[in-house]
Amino acid sequence: MTTLLNRQREHKLTDAMLTGLDLLVRHGSAMRYRAGWGFGSLNGPIIAPATMDALFDRGFARRRHASADVTKTGRDAHAEITGMLS
């Protein structure tokens, strides 16, 4: 049985990237703010711009004008890493 960390390493995701991917999957589209990427409010969770750029580069997220959402590849990777796939 593989651990969460081993599955995370297979996808070459840092802890920040995994957290950002998890937020995108759970909260939906993120909006671009000056401080980073958020979910409807600056009071909520914010994903750092460098973290989102890394998710874009790996194909786990896509830009849509001033927002971003998770791709199918990102959803599949998230499900595999968190153990939601059988």
PDB file of N, CA and C in Angstrom:
ATOM      1  N   MET A   1       0.846  -1.182   0.000  1.00  0.00           N
ATOM      2  CA  MET A   1       0.000   0.000   0.000  1.00  0.00           C
ATOM      3  C   MET A   1       0.889   1.243   0.000  1.00  0.00           C
ATOM      4  N   THR A   2       0.550   2.195  -0.873  1.00  0.00           N
ATOM      5  CA  THR A   2       1.338   3.417  -0.936  1.00  0.00           C
ATOM      6  C   THR A   2       0.773   4.460   0.007  1.00  0.00           C
ATOM      7  N   THR A   3       1.627   5.318   0.454  1.00  0.00           N
ATOM      8  CA  THR A   3       1.192   6.391   1.343  1.00  0.00           C
ATOM      9  C   THR A   3       0.854   7.628   0.521  1.00  0.00           C
ATOM     10  N   LEU A   4       0.206   8.566   1.168  1.00  0.00           N
ATOM     11  CA  LEU A   4      -0.143   9.832   0.523  1.00  0.00           C
ATOM     12  C   LEU A   4       1.103  10.510  -0.025  1.00  0.00           C
ATOM     13  N   LEU A   5       2.187  10.510   0.747  1.00  0.00           N
ATOM     14  CA  LEU A   5       3.417  11.169   0.322  1.00  0.00           C
ATOM     15  C   LEU A   5       4.003  10.497  -0.922  1.00  0.00           C
ATOM     16  N   ASN A   6       3.974   9.174  -0.981  1.00  0.00           N
ATOM     17  CA  ASN A   6       4.477   8.471  -2.167  1.00  0.00           C
ATOM     18  C   ASN A   6       3.651   8.806  -3.402  1.00  0.00           C
ATOM     19  N   ARG A   7       2.319   8.848  -3.255  1.00  0.00           N
ATOM     20  CA  ARG A   7       1.457   9.198  -4.388  1.00  0.00           C
ATOM     21  C   ARG A   7       1.689  10.644  -4.809  1.00  0.00           C
ATOM     22  N   GLN A   8       1.926  11.512  -3.839  1.00  0.00           N
ATOM     23  CA  GLN A   8       2.195  12.919  -4.124  1.00  0.00           C
ATOM     24  C   GLN A   8       3.514  13.046  -4.890  1.00  0.00           C
ATOM     25  N   ARG A   9       4.527  12.299  -4.484  1.00  0.00           N
ATOM     26  CA  ARG A   9       5.827  12.357  -5.155  1.00  0.00           C
ATOM     27  C   ARG A   9       5.762  11.827  -6.581  1.00  0.00           C
ATOM     28  N   GLU A  10       4.913  10.829  -6.824  1.00  0.00           N
ATOM     29  CA  GLU A  10       4.765  10.298  -8.180  1.00  0.00           C
ATOM     30  C   GLU A  10       4.296  11.384  -9.141  1.00  0.00           C
ATOM     31  N   HIS A  11       3.446  12.281  -8.674  1.00  0.00           N
ATOM     32  CA  HIS A  11       2.940  13.381  -9.502  1.00  0.00           C
ATOM     33  C   HIS A  11       3.825  14.619  -9.432  1.00  0.00           C
ATOM     34  N   LYS A  12       4.890  14.556  -8.637  1.00  0.00           N
ATOM     35  CA  LYS A  12       5.836  15.665  -8.476  1.00  0.00           C
ATOM     36  C   LYS A  12       5.157  16.939  -7.997  1.00  0.00           C
ATOM     37  N   LEU A  13       4.351  16.805  -6.945  1.00  0.00           N
ATOM     38  CA  LEU A  13       3.651  17.939  -6.363  1.00  0.00           C
ATOM     39  C   LEU A  13       4.224  18.273  -4.992  1.00  0.00           C
ATOM     40  N   THR A  14       4.460  19.551  -4.767  1.00  0.00           N
ATOM     41  CA  THR A  14       4.859  19.994  -3.436  1.00  0.00           C
ATOM     42  C   THR A  14       3.620  20.042  -2.545  1.00  0.00           C
ATOM     43  N   ASP A  15       3.829  20.248  -1.259  1.00  0.00           N
ATOM     44  CA  ASP A  15       2.692  20.361  -0.349  1.00  0.00           C
ATOM     45  C   ASP A  15       1.797  21.538  -0.720  1.00  0.00           C
ATOM     46  N   ALA A  16       2.402  22.656  -1.109  1.00  0.00           N
ATOM     47  CA  ALA A  16       1.615  23.839  -1.485  1.00  0.00           C
ATOM     48  C   ALA A  16       0.793  23.563  -2.737  1.00  0.00           C
ATOM     49  N   MET A  17       1.379  22.858  -3.697  1.00  0.00           N
ATOM     50  CA  MET A  17       0.650  22.545  -4.929  1.00  0.00           C
ATOM     51  C   MET A  17      -0.498  21.581  -4.650  1.00  0.00           C
ATOM     52  N   LEU A  18      -0.271  20.602  -3.791  1.00  0.00           N
ATOM     53  CA  LEU A  18      -1.334  19.664  -3.446  1.00  0.00           C
ATOM     54  C   LEU A  18      -2.466  20.388  -2.719  1.00  0.00           C
ATOM     55  N   THR A  19      -2.124  21.300  -1.834  1.00  0.00           N
ATOM     56  CA  THR A  19      -3.137  22.082  -1.126  1.00  0.00           C
ATOM     57  C   THR A  19      -3.914  22.956  -2.102  1.00  0.00           C
ATOM     58  N   GLY A  20      -3.216  23.613  -3.037  1.00  0.00           N
ATOM     59  CA  GLY A  20      -3.893  24.432  -4.044  1.00  0.00           C
ATOM     60  C   GLY A  20      -4.813  23.610  -4.924  1.00  0.00           C
ATOM     61  N   LEU A  21      -4.362  22.434  -5.328  1.00  0.00           N
ATOM     62  CA  LEU A  21      -5.188  21.547  -6.133  1.00  0.00           C
ATOM     63  C   LEU A  21      -6.410  21.091  -5.351  1.00  0.00           C
ATOM     64  N   ASP A  22      -6.212  20.784  -4.086  1.00  0.00           N
ATOM     65  CA  ASP A  22      -7.321  20.370  -3.226  1.00  0.00           C
ATOM     66  C   ASP A  22      -8.350  21.495  -3.089  1.00  0.00           C
ATOM     67  N   LEU A  23      -7.890  22.723  -2.922  1.00  0.00           N
ATOM     68  CA  LEU A  23      -8.809  23.868  -2.829  1.00  0.00           C
ATOM     69  C   LEU A  23      -9.592  24.055  -4.116  1.00  0.00           C
ATOM     70  N   LEU A  24      -8.927  23.905  -5.257  1.00  0.00           N
ATOM     71  CA  LEU A  24      -9.626  24.049  -6.537  1.00  0.00           C
ATOM     72  C   LEU A  24     -10.685  22.963  -6.718  1.00  0.00           C
ATOM     73  N   VAL A  25     -10.363  21.752  -6.327  1.00  0.00           N
ATOM     74  CA  VAL A  25     -11.324  20.656  -6.469  1.00  0.00           C
ATOM     75  C   VAL A  25     -12.510  20.862  -5.532  1.00  0.00           C
ATOM     76  N   ARG A  26     -12.255  21.265  -4.307  1.00  0.00           N
ATOM     77  CA  ARG A  26     -13.317  21.398  -3.312  1.00  0.00           C
ATOM     78  C   ARG A  26     -14.141  22.678  -3.448  1.00  0.00           C
ATOM     79  N   HIS A  27     -13.490  23.805  -3.810  1.00  0.00           N
ATOM     80  CA  HIS A  27     -14.184  25.097  -3.842  1.00  0.00           C
ATOM     81  C   HIS A  27     -14.576  25.562  -5.237  1.00  0.00           C
ATOM     82  N   GLY A  28     -14.060  24.928  -6.277  1.00  0.00           N
ATOM     83  CA  GLY A  28     -14.387  25.348  -7.631  1.00  0.00           C
ATOM     84  C   GLY A  28     -13.430  26.404  -8.141  1.00  0.00           C
ATOM     85  N   SER A  29     -13.903  27.251  -9.028  1.00  0.00           N
ATOM     86  CA  SER A  29     -13.059  28.254  -9.678  1.00  0.00           C
ATOM     87  C   SER A  29     -12.479  29.246  -8.680  1.00  0.00           C
ATOM     88  N   ALA A  30     -11.242  29.630  -8.958  1.00  0.00           N
ATOM     89  CA  ALA A  30     -10.558  30.646  -8.150  1.00  0.00           C
ATOM     90  C   ALA A  30     -10.496  31.941  -8.948  1.00  0.00           C
ATOM     91  N   MET A  31     -10.617  33.054  -8.261  1.00  0.00           N
ATOM     92  CA  MET A  31     -10.538  34.362  -8.897  1.00  0.00           C
ATOM     93  C   MET A  31      -9.168  34.970  -8.631  1.00  0.00           C
ATOM     94  N   ARG A  32      -8.681  35.740  -9.603  1.00  0.00           N
ATOM     95  CA  ARG A  32      -7.366  36.367  -9.467  1.00  0.00           C
ATOM     96  C   ARG A  32      -7.489  37.644  -8.665  1.00  0.00           C
ATOM     97  N   TYR A  33      -6.746  37.730  -7.588  1.00  0.00           N
ATOM     98  CA  TYR A  33      -6.638  38.942  -6.773  1.00  0.00           C
ATOM     99  C   TYR A  33      -5.199  39.412  -6.815  1.00  0.00           C
ATOM    100  N   ARG A  34      -4.971  40.580  -6.314  1.00  0.00           N
ATOM    101  CA  ARG A  34      -3.621  41.112  -6.269  1.00  0.00           C
ATOM    102  C   ARG A  34      -2.712  40.242  -5.388  1.00  0.00           C
ATOM    103  N   ALA A  35      -3.254  39.690  -4.333  1.00  0.00           N
ATOM    104  CA  ALA A  35      -2.475  38.881  -3.389  1.00  0.00           C
ATOM    105  C   ALA A  35      -2.295  37.432  -3.843  1.00  0.00           C
ATOM    106  N   GLY A  36      -3.063  36.987  -4.818  1.00  0.00           N
ATOM    107  CA  GLY A  36      -2.993  35.609  -5.274  1.00  0.00           C
ATOM    108  C   GLY A  36      -4.330  35.172  -5.833  1.00  0.00           C
ATOM    109  N   TRP A  37      -4.621  33.902  -5.730  1.00  0.00           N
ATOM    110  CA  TRP A  37      -5.864  33.330  -6.240  1.00  0.00           C
ATOM    111  C   TRP A  37      -6.747  32.953  -5.073  1.00  0.00           C
ATOM    112  N   GLY A  38      -8.002  33.443  -5.072  1.00  0.00           N
ATOM    113  CA  GLY A  38      -8.919  33.204  -3.960  1.00  0.00           C
ATOM    114  C   GLY A  38     -10.265  32.705  -4.428  1.00  0.00           C
ATOM    115  N   PHE A  39     -11.118  32.465  -3.466  1.00  0.00           N
ATOM    116  CA  PHE A  39     -12.418  31.853  -3.741  1.00  0.00           C
ATOM    117  C   PHE A  39     -13.552  32.757  -3.270  1.00  0.00           C
ATOM    118  N   GLY A  40     -13.696  33.913  -3.901  1.00  0.00           N
ATOM    119  CA  GLY A  40     -14.810  34.803  -3.627  1.00  0.00           C
ATOM    120  C   GLY A  40     -14.549  35.855  -2.571  1.00  0.00           C
ATOM    121  N   SER A  41     -13.466  35.737  -1.828  1.00  0.00           N
ATOM    122  CA  SER A  41     -13.180  36.702  -0.783  1.00  0.00           C
ATOM    123  C   SER A  41     -11.699  36.644  -0.428  1.00  0.00           C
ATOM    124  N   LEU A  42     -11.152  37.789  -0.088  1.00  0.00           N
ATOM    125  CA  LEU A  42      -9.764  37.793   0.384  1.00  0.00           C
ATOM    126  C   LEU A  42      -9.636  37.230   1.791  1.00  0.00           C
ATOM    127  N   ASN A  43     -10.761  37.043   2.467  1.00  0.00           N
ATOM    128  CA  ASN A  43     -10.735  36.473   3.812  1.00  0.00           C
ATOM    129  C   ASN A  43     -10.581  34.958   3.785  1.00  0.00           C
ATOM    130  N   GLY A  44     -10.892  34.352   2.650  1.00  0.00           N
ATOM    131  CA  GLY A  44     -10.833  32.900   2.537  1.00  0.00           C
ATOM    132  C   GLY A  44      -9.437  32.421   2.202  1.00  0.00           C
ATOM    133  N   PRO A  45      -9.305  31.176   1.800  1.00  0.00           N
ATOM    134  CA  PRO A  45      -7.982  30.658   1.443  1.00  0.00           C
ATOM    135  C   PRO A  45      -7.463  31.330   0.174  1.00  0.00           C
ATOM    136  N   ILE A  46      -6.172  31.612   0.157  1.00  0.00           N
ATOM    137  CA  ILE A  46      -5.504  32.232  -0.983  1.00  0.00           C
ATOM    138  C   ILE A  46      -4.399  31.291  -1.456  1.00  0.00           C
ATOM    139  N   ILE A  47      -4.337  31.079  -2.756  1.00  0.00           N
ATOM    140  CA  ILE A  47      -3.268  30.283  -3.352  1.00  0.00           C
ATOM    141  C   ILE A  47      -2.249  31.254  -3.932  1.00  0.00           C
ATOM    142  N   ALA A  48      -0.998  31.055  -3.591  1.00  0.00           N
ATOM    143  CA  ALA A  48       0.063  31.941  -4.061  1.00  0.00           C
ATOM    144  C   ALA A  48       0.192  31.879  -5.579  1.00  0.00           C
ATOM    145  N   PRO A  49       0.540  32.997  -6.211  1.00  0.00           N
ATOM    146  CA  PRO A  49       0.678  33.011  -7.671  1.00  0.00           C
ATOM    147  C   PRO A  49       1.680  31.977  -8.194  1.00  0.00           C
ATOM    148  N   ALA A  50       2.798  31.799  -7.513  1.00  0.00           N
ATOM    149  CA  ALA A  50       3.795  30.824  -7.958  1.00  0.00           C
ATOM    150  C   ALA A  50       3.248  29.402  -7.916  1.00  0.00           C
ATOM    151  N   THR A  51       2.421  29.111  -6.923  1.00  0.00           N
ATOM    152  CA  THR A  51       1.811  27.786  -6.809  1.00  0.00           C
ATOM    153  C   THR A  51       0.839  27.555  -7.955  1.00  0.00           C
ATOM    154  N   MET A  52       0.016  28.553  -8.268  1.00  0.00           N
ATOM    155  CA  MET A  52      -0.931  28.416  -9.379  1.00  0.00           C
ATOM    156  C   MET A  52      -0.185  28.293 -10.705  1.00  0.00           C
ATOM    157  N   ASP A  53       0.900  29.044 -10.876  1.00  0.00           N
ATOM    158  CA  ASP A  53       1.687  28.935 -12.104  1.00  0.00           C
ATOM    159  C   ASP A  53       2.219  27.515 -12.271  1.00  0.00           C
ATOM    160  N   ALA A  54       2.656  26.905 -11.178  1.00  0.00           N
ATOM    161  CA  ALA A  54       3.146  25.524 -11.235  1.00  0.00           C
ATOM    162  C   ALA A  54       2.020  24.563 -11.610  1.00  0.00           C
ATOM    163  N   LEU A  55       0.818  24.790 -11.085  1.00  0.00           N
ATOM    164  CA  LEU A  55      -0.323  23.948 -11.452  1.00  0.00           C
ATOM    165  C   LEU A  55      -0.704  24.139 -12.919  1.00  0.00           C
ATOM    166  N   PHE A  56      -0.615  25.376 -13.418  1.00  0.00           N
ATOM    167  CA  PHE A  56      -0.878  25.645 -14.837  1.00  0.00           C
ATOM    168  C   PHE A  56       0.150  24.922 -15.709  1.00  0.00           C
ATOM    169  N   ASP A  57       1.426  25.021 -15.324  1.00  0.00           N
ATOM    170  CA  ASP A  57       2.502  24.412 -16.106  1.00  0.00           C
ATOM    171  C   ASP A  57       2.360  22.897 -16.196  1.00  0.00           C
ATOM    172  N   ARG A  58       1.863  22.270 -15.143  1.00  0.00           N
ATOM    173  CA  ARG A  58       1.705  20.813 -15.126  1.00  0.00           C
ATOM    174  C   ARG A  58       0.378  20.353 -15.730  1.00  0.00           C
ATOM    175  N   GLY A  59      -0.471  21.292 -16.094  1.00  0.00           N
ATOM    176  CA  GLY A  59      -1.740  20.947 -16.724  1.00  0.00           C
ATOM    177  C   GLY A  59      -2.830  20.553 -15.742  1.00  0.00           C
ATOM    178  N   PHE A  60      -2.653  20.854 -14.448  1.00  0.00           N
ATOM    179  CA  PHE A  60      -3.651  20.516 -13.440  1.00  0.00           C
ATOM    180  C   PHE A  60      -4.711  21.599 -13.285  1.00  0.00           C
ATOM    181  N   ALA A  61      -4.426  22.793 -13.785  1.00  0.00           N
ATOM    182  CA  ALA A  61      -5.378  23.904 -13.722  1.00  0.00           C
ATOM    183  C   ALA A  61      -5.287  24.670 -15.038  1.00  0.00           C
ATOM    184  N   ARG A  62      -6.351  25.424 -15.362  1.00  0.00           N
ATOM    185  CA  ARG A  62      -6.351  26.239 -16.577  1.00  0.00           C
ATOM    186  C   ARG A  62      -6.887  27.627 -16.259  1.00  0.00           C
ATOM    187  N   ARG A  63      -6.361  28.585 -16.997  1.00  0.00           N
ATOM    188  CA  ARG A  63      -6.807  29.968 -16.841  1.00  0.00           C
ATOM    189  C   ARG A  63      -8.028  30.210 -17.691  1.00  0.00           C
ATOM    190  N   ARG A  64      -8.939  31.002 -17.142  1.00  0.00           N
ATOM    191  CA  ARG A  64     -10.119  31.451 -17.887  1.00  0.00           C
ATOM    192  C   ARG A  64     -10.313  32.924 -17.564  1.00  0.00           C
ATOM    193  N   HIS A  65      -9.720  33.791 -18.391  1.00  0.00           N
ATOM    194  CA  HIS A  65      -9.751  35.243 -18.190  1.00  0.00           C
ATOM    195  C   HIS A  65      -9.189  35.580 -16.811  1.00  0.00           C
ATOM    196  N   ALA A  66     -10.007  36.026 -15.861  1.00  0.00           N
ATOM    197  CA  ALA A  66      -9.522  36.409 -14.534  1.00  0.00           C
ATOM    198  C   ALA A  66      -9.791  35.322 -13.497  1.00  0.00           C
ATOM    199  N   SER A  67     -10.055  34.111 -13.958  1.00  0.00           N
ATOM    200  CA  SER A  67     -10.294  33.018 -13.019  1.00  0.00           C
ATOM    201  C   SER A  67      -9.517  31.782 -13.468  1.00  0.00           C
ATOM    202  N   ALA A  68      -9.534  30.764 -12.634  1.00  0.00           N
ATOM    203  CA  ALA A  68      -8.861  29.504 -12.939  1.00  0.00           C
ATOM    204  C   ALA A  68      -9.693  28.368 -12.380  1.00  0.00           C
ATOM    205  N   ASP A  69      -9.652  27.250 -13.060  1.00  0.00           N
ATOM    206  CA  ASP A  69     -10.335  26.074 -12.535  1.00  0.00           C
ATOM    207  C   ASP A  69      -9.488  24.836 -12.797  1.00  0.00           C
ATOM    208  N   VAL A  70      -9.885  23.748 -12.189  1.00  0.00           N
ATOM    209  CA  VAL A  70      -9.134  22.498 -12.274  1.00  0.00           C
ATOM    210  C   VAL A  70      -9.480  21.783 -13.585  1.00  0.00           C
ATOM    211  N   THR A  71      -8.494  21.109 -14.162  1.00  0.00           N
ATOM    212  CA  THR A  71      -8.713  20.331 -15.381  1.00  0.00           C
ATOM    213  C   THR A  71      -9.068  18.899 -15.028  1.00  0.00           C
ATOM    214  N   LYS A  72      -9.425  18.123 -16.034  1.00  0.00           N
ATOM    215  CA  LYS A  72      -9.726  16.711 -15.808  1.00  0.00           C
ATOM    216  C   LYS A  72      -8.479  15.986 -15.293  1.00  0.00           C
ATOM    217  N   THR A  73      -7.335  16.334 -15.847  1.00  0.00           N
ATOM    218  CA  THR A  73      -6.074  15.754 -15.378  1.00  0.00           C
ATOM    219  C   THR A  73      -5.852  16.086 -13.909  1.00  0.00           C
ATOM    220  N   GLY A  74      -6.146  17.316 -13.529  1.00  0.00           N
ATOM    221  CA  GLY A  74      -6.008  17.731 -12.136  1.00  0.00           C
ATOM    222  C   GLY A  74      -6.956  16.980 -11.220  1.00  0.00           C
ATOM    223  N   ARG A  75      -8.207  16.812 -11.654  1.00  0.00           N
ATOM    224  CA  ARG A  75      -9.177  16.053 -10.849  1.00  0.00           C
ATOM    225  C   ARG A  75      -8.737  14.596 -10.683  1.00  0.00           C
ATOM    226  N   ASP A  76      -8.265  13.996 -11.781  1.00  0.00           N
ATOM    227  CA  ASP A  76      -7.816  12.608 -11.718  1.00  0.00           C
ATOM    228  C   ASP A  76      -6.607  12.463 -10.793  1.00  0.00           C
ATOM    229  N   ALA A  77      -5.646  13.391 -10.905  1.00  0.00           N
ATOM    230  CA  ALA A  77      -4.465  13.343 -10.045  1.00  0.00           C
ATOM    231  C   ALA A  77      -4.863  13.529  -8.584  1.00  0.00           C
ATOM    232  N   HIS A  78      -5.767  14.472  -8.320  1.00  0.00           N
ATOM    233  CA  HIS A  78      -6.224  14.709  -6.950  1.00  0.00           C
ATOM    234  C   HIS A  78      -6.889  13.461  -6.384  1.00  0.00           C
ATOM    235  N   ALA A  79      -7.742  12.835  -7.179  1.00  0.00           N
ATOM    236  CA  ALA A  79      -8.437  11.627  -6.728  1.00  0.00           C
ATOM    237  C   ALA A  79      -7.447  10.496  -6.460  1.00  0.00           C
ATOM    238  N   GLU A  80      -6.458  10.355  -7.314  1.00  0.00           N
ATOM    239  CA  GLU A  80      -5.465   9.303  -7.130  1.00  0.00           C
ATOM    240  C   GLU A  80      -4.607   9.553  -5.898  1.00  0.00           C
ATOM    241  N   ILE A  81      -4.177  10.793  -5.721  1.00  0.00           N
ATOM    242  CA  ILE A  81      -3.319  11.123  -4.584  1.00  0.00           C
ATOM    243  C   ILE A  81      -4.060  10.971  -3.270  1.00  0.00           C
ATOM    244  N   THR A  82      -5.284  11.443  -3.219  1.00  0.00           N
ATOM    245  CA  THR A  82      -6.038  11.380  -1.962  1.00  0.00           C
ATOM    246  C   THR A  82      -6.683  10.023  -1.738  1.00  0.00           C
ATOM    247  N   GLY A  83      -6.545   9.106  -2.704  1.00  0.00           N
ATOM    248  CA  GLY A  83      -7.051   7.762  -2.523  1.00  0.00           C
ATOM    249  C   GLY A  83      -8.509   7.580  -2.826  1.00  0.00           C
ATOM    250  N   MET A  84      -9.106   8.481  -3.596  1.00  0.00           N
ATOM    251  CA  MET A  84     -10.530   8.386  -3.908  1.00  0.00           C
ATOM    252  C   MET A  84     -10.798   7.420  -5.054  1.00  0.00           C
ATOM    253  N   LEU A  85      -9.749   7.009  -5.771  1.00  0.00           N
ATOM    254  CA  LEU A  85      -9.930   6.046  -6.851  1.00  0.00           C
ATOM    255  C   LEU A  85      -9.771   4.641  -6.297  1.00  0.00           C
ATOM    256  N   SER A  86     -10.481   3.722  -6.859  1.00  0.00           N
ATOM    257  CA  SER A  86     -10.379   2.325  -6.428  1.00  0.00           C
ATOM    258  C   SER A  86      -9.196   1.667  -7.070  1.00  0.00           C
TER     259      SER A  86
END
